[in-house]
Amino acid sequence: MKTHIEELAPCGLNCKTCVRSATGPIKESAESLLKHLEGFSSFAQKFSGVNPVYANYQAFENFLNHLTQADCNGCRNGSECFAGCSAKNCHKENNVSYCFQCSDFPCSKNSFPPALEEKWKNNNFFMKENGIQAFYEKQAKEPRY
């Protein structure tokens, strides 16, 4: 259960799979890919005559570098992912680990955009009906975005 609480935010999003996660696979993969592509920039310029996609390599490398700067440790550890999320503090005030465990769920305290609000509700309803372990296993197999 400790892993679940470390990786799953009170709202139900998996912090590890986030593009901003300091310890997640996206950051690790970007670091690894940059290492494997070290020095490729000069080749990309040469290859752009053969395939125009290589002309965009510098933008791709810049994006990978951006991904390696991810520094979020999750809201349970003091970081803030989304300013409109009240779950970061609300779960503490209500002495619960996840939103679905609160008697007020679903509430209107969060100011999520509609798509994120729907995901928040669906994640929490799933945990409520199937358990945290089942949700953890299910979301681990699905893409975050």
Protein backbone atom coordinates (compact mmCIF):
# COMPACT_ATOMS: atom_id res chain seq x y z
CA MET A 1 0.00 0.00 0.00
CA LYS A 2 2.92 2.36 0.64
CA THR A 3 3.89 2.38 -3.05
CA HIS A 4 0.34 3.33 -3.98
CA ILE A 5 0.34 6.30 -1.64
CA GLU A 6 3.79 7.38 -2.86
CA GLU A 7 2.82 7.17 -6.53
CA LEU A 8 -0.88 7.99 -6.55
CA ALA A 9 -1.85 11.55 -5.70
CA PRO A 10 -4.90 12.11 -3.46
CA CYS A 11 -6.86 13.01 -6.62
CA GLY A 12 -6.02 9.60 -8.15
CA LEU A 13 -3.49 10.66 -10.78
CA ASN A 14 -0.28 8.64 -10.91
CA CYS A 15 2.56 11.03 -10.14
CA LYS A 16 5.20 8.64 -11.52
CA THR A 17 3.72 8.67 -15.02
CA CYS A 18 3.54 12.46 -15.20
CA VAL A 19 5.75 14.39 -17.61
CA ARG A 20 6.86 16.53 -14.65
CA SER A 21 7.84 13.61 -12.36
CA ALA A 22 11.38 13.88 -11.00
CA THR A 23 11.63 10.09 -10.75
CA GLY A 24 9.31 8.84 -13.47
CA PRO A 25 9.91 6.86 -16.65
CA ILE A 26 9.42 9.88 -18.93
CA LYS A 27 12.36 11.74 -17.39
CA GLU A 28 14.45 8.57 -17.25
CA SER A 29 13.68 7.74 -20.89
CA ALA A 30 14.51 11.27 -22.05
CA GLU A 31 17.85 11.12 -20.21
CA SER A 32 18.62 7.74 -21.73
CA LEU A 33 17.66 8.79 -25.24
CA LEU A 34 19.77 11.94 -25.01
CA LYS A 35 22.73 9.85 -23.91
CA HIS A 36 22.27 7.47 -26.84
CA LEU A 37 21.91 10.38 -29.26
CA GLU A 38 24.91 12.32 -27.98
CA GLY A 39 26.70 13.91 -30.93
CA PHE A 40 23.89 13.08 -33.38
CA SER A 41 23.04 16.73 -34.08
CA SER A 42 25.69 17.09 -36.80
CA PHE A 43 24.50 13.88 -38.47
CA ALA A 44 20.88 15.06 -38.35
CA GLN A 45 21.82 18.09 -40.42
CA LYS A 46 23.46 15.86 -43.02
CA PHE A 47 20.54 13.41 -43.05
CA SER A 48 17.98 16.20 -43.54
CA GLY A 49 18.75 16.11 -47.28
CA VAL A 50 17.71 12.45 -47.36
CA ASN A 51 14.71 12.78 -45.06
CA PRO A 52 13.31 16.20 -44.10
CA VAL A 53 12.24 14.97 -40.66
CA TYR A 54 15.86 15.30 -39.52
CA ALA A 55 15.66 19.05 -40.06
CA ASN A 56 13.54 19.15 -36.89
CA TYR A 57 16.10 17.30 -34.78
CA GLN A 58 17.21 20.38 -32.81
CA ALA A 59 13.63 21.03 -31.66
CA PHE A 60 13.34 17.37 -30.67
CA GLU A 61 16.60 17.55 -28.71
CA ASN A 62 15.42 20.73 -26.99
CA PHE A 63 12.21 18.98 -25.98
CA LEU A 64 14.12 15.99 -24.61
CA ASN A 65 16.32 18.37 -22.61
CA HIS A 66 13.17 19.98 -21.23
CA LEU A 67 11.83 16.58 -20.13
CA THR A 68 15.07 15.87 -18.25
CA GLN A 69 14.46 18.96 -16.11
CA ALA A 70 11.33 17.46 -14.51
CA ASP A 71 11.50 18.15 -10.79
CA CYS A 72 8.07 17.43 -9.33
CA ASN A 73 8.02 15.05 -6.37
CA GLY A 74 4.23 14.92 -6.17
CA CYS A 75 1.79 16.91 -4.08
CA ARG A 76 2.14 14.49 -1.16
CA ASN A 77 5.76 15.67 -0.98
CA GLY A 78 5.10 19.39 -1.24
CA SER A 79 5.03 19.92 -5.00
CA GLU A 80 2.02 21.33 -6.78
CA CYS A 81 0.91 19.89 -10.09
CA PHE A 82 -2.21 21.88 -10.79
CA ALA A 83 -3.12 25.13 -9.05
CA GLY A 84 -6.85 24.36 -9.28
CA CYS A 85 -6.53 21.14 -7.28
CA SER A 86 -7.68 21.34 -3.69
CA ALA A 87 -7.05 17.62 -3.02
CA LYS A 88 -3.45 18.36 -2.02
CA ASN A 89 -4.61 19.84 1.28
CA CYS A 90 -8.22 18.73 1.46
CA HIS A 91 -7.34 15.04 1.91
CA LYS A 92 -5.30 15.97 4.99
CA GLU A 93 -8.10 18.10 6.43
CA ASN A 94 -10.53 15.20 5.97
CA ASN A 95 -8.03 12.56 7.15
CA VAL A 96 -8.26 10.44 4.00
CA SER A 97 -5.67 9.18 1.50
CA TYR A 98 -7.82 9.62 -1.62
CA CYS A 99 -10.76 11.80 -2.58
CA PHE A 100 -13.18 8.87 -2.92
CA GLN A 101 -12.72 8.10 0.80
CA CYS A 102 -14.18 11.47 1.75
CA SER A 103 -17.87 11.71 2.58
CA ASP A 104 -18.06 14.85 0.42
CA PHE A 105 -16.82 13.12 -2.75
CA PRO A 106 -17.49 14.17 -5.43
CA CYS A 107 -17.28 17.78 -4.36
CA SER A 108 -16.84 21.06 -6.18
CA LYS A 109 -13.72 22.22 -4.31
CA ASN A 110 -11.43 21.56 -7.28
CA SER A 111 -11.41 23.90 -10.24
CA PHE A 112 -10.31 21.39 -12.85
CA PRO A 113 -10.88 21.85 -16.56
CA PRO A 114 -13.79 19.59 -17.66
CA ALA A 115 -11.62 16.76 -19.05
CA LEU A 116 -9.49 16.59 -15.90
CA GLU A 117 -12.55 16.75 -13.67
CA GLU A 118 -14.04 13.79 -15.52
CA LYS A 119 -10.78 11.84 -15.15
CA TRP A 120 -10.62 12.71 -11.43
CA LYS A 121 -14.17 11.46 -10.86
CA ASN A 122 -13.71 8.31 -12.97
CA ASN A 123 -10.44 7.41 -11.23
CA ASN A 124 -11.96 7.84 -7.78
CA PHE A 125 -15.20 6.03 -8.61
CA PHE A 126 -13.11 3.14 -9.95
CA MET A 127 -11.04 3.02 -6.74
CA LYS A 128 -14.19 3.16 -4.63
CA GLU A 129 -15.82 0.29 -6.53
CA ASN A 130 -12.78 -1.91 -7.21
CA GLY A 131 -10.18 -0.97 -4.62
CA ILE A 132 -6.91 0.90 -4.71
CA GLN A 133 -4.85 -2.15 -5.73
CA ALA A 134 -7.06 -2.84 -8.76
CA PHE A 135 -6.88 0.82 -9.80
CA TYR A 136 -3.11 0.90 -9.33
CA GLU A 137 -2.67 -2.16 -11.55
CA LYS A 138 -5.14 -0.87 -14.16
CA GLN A 139 -3.63 2.57 -14.54
CA ALA A 140 -0.09 1.17 -14.65
CA LYS A 141 -1.00 -0.48 -17.98
CA GLU A 142 -2.55 2.63 -19.52
CA PRO A 143 -0.94 5.76 -20.95
CA ARG A 144 -1.25 8.81 -18.71
CA TYR A 145 -2.23 11.15 -21.48
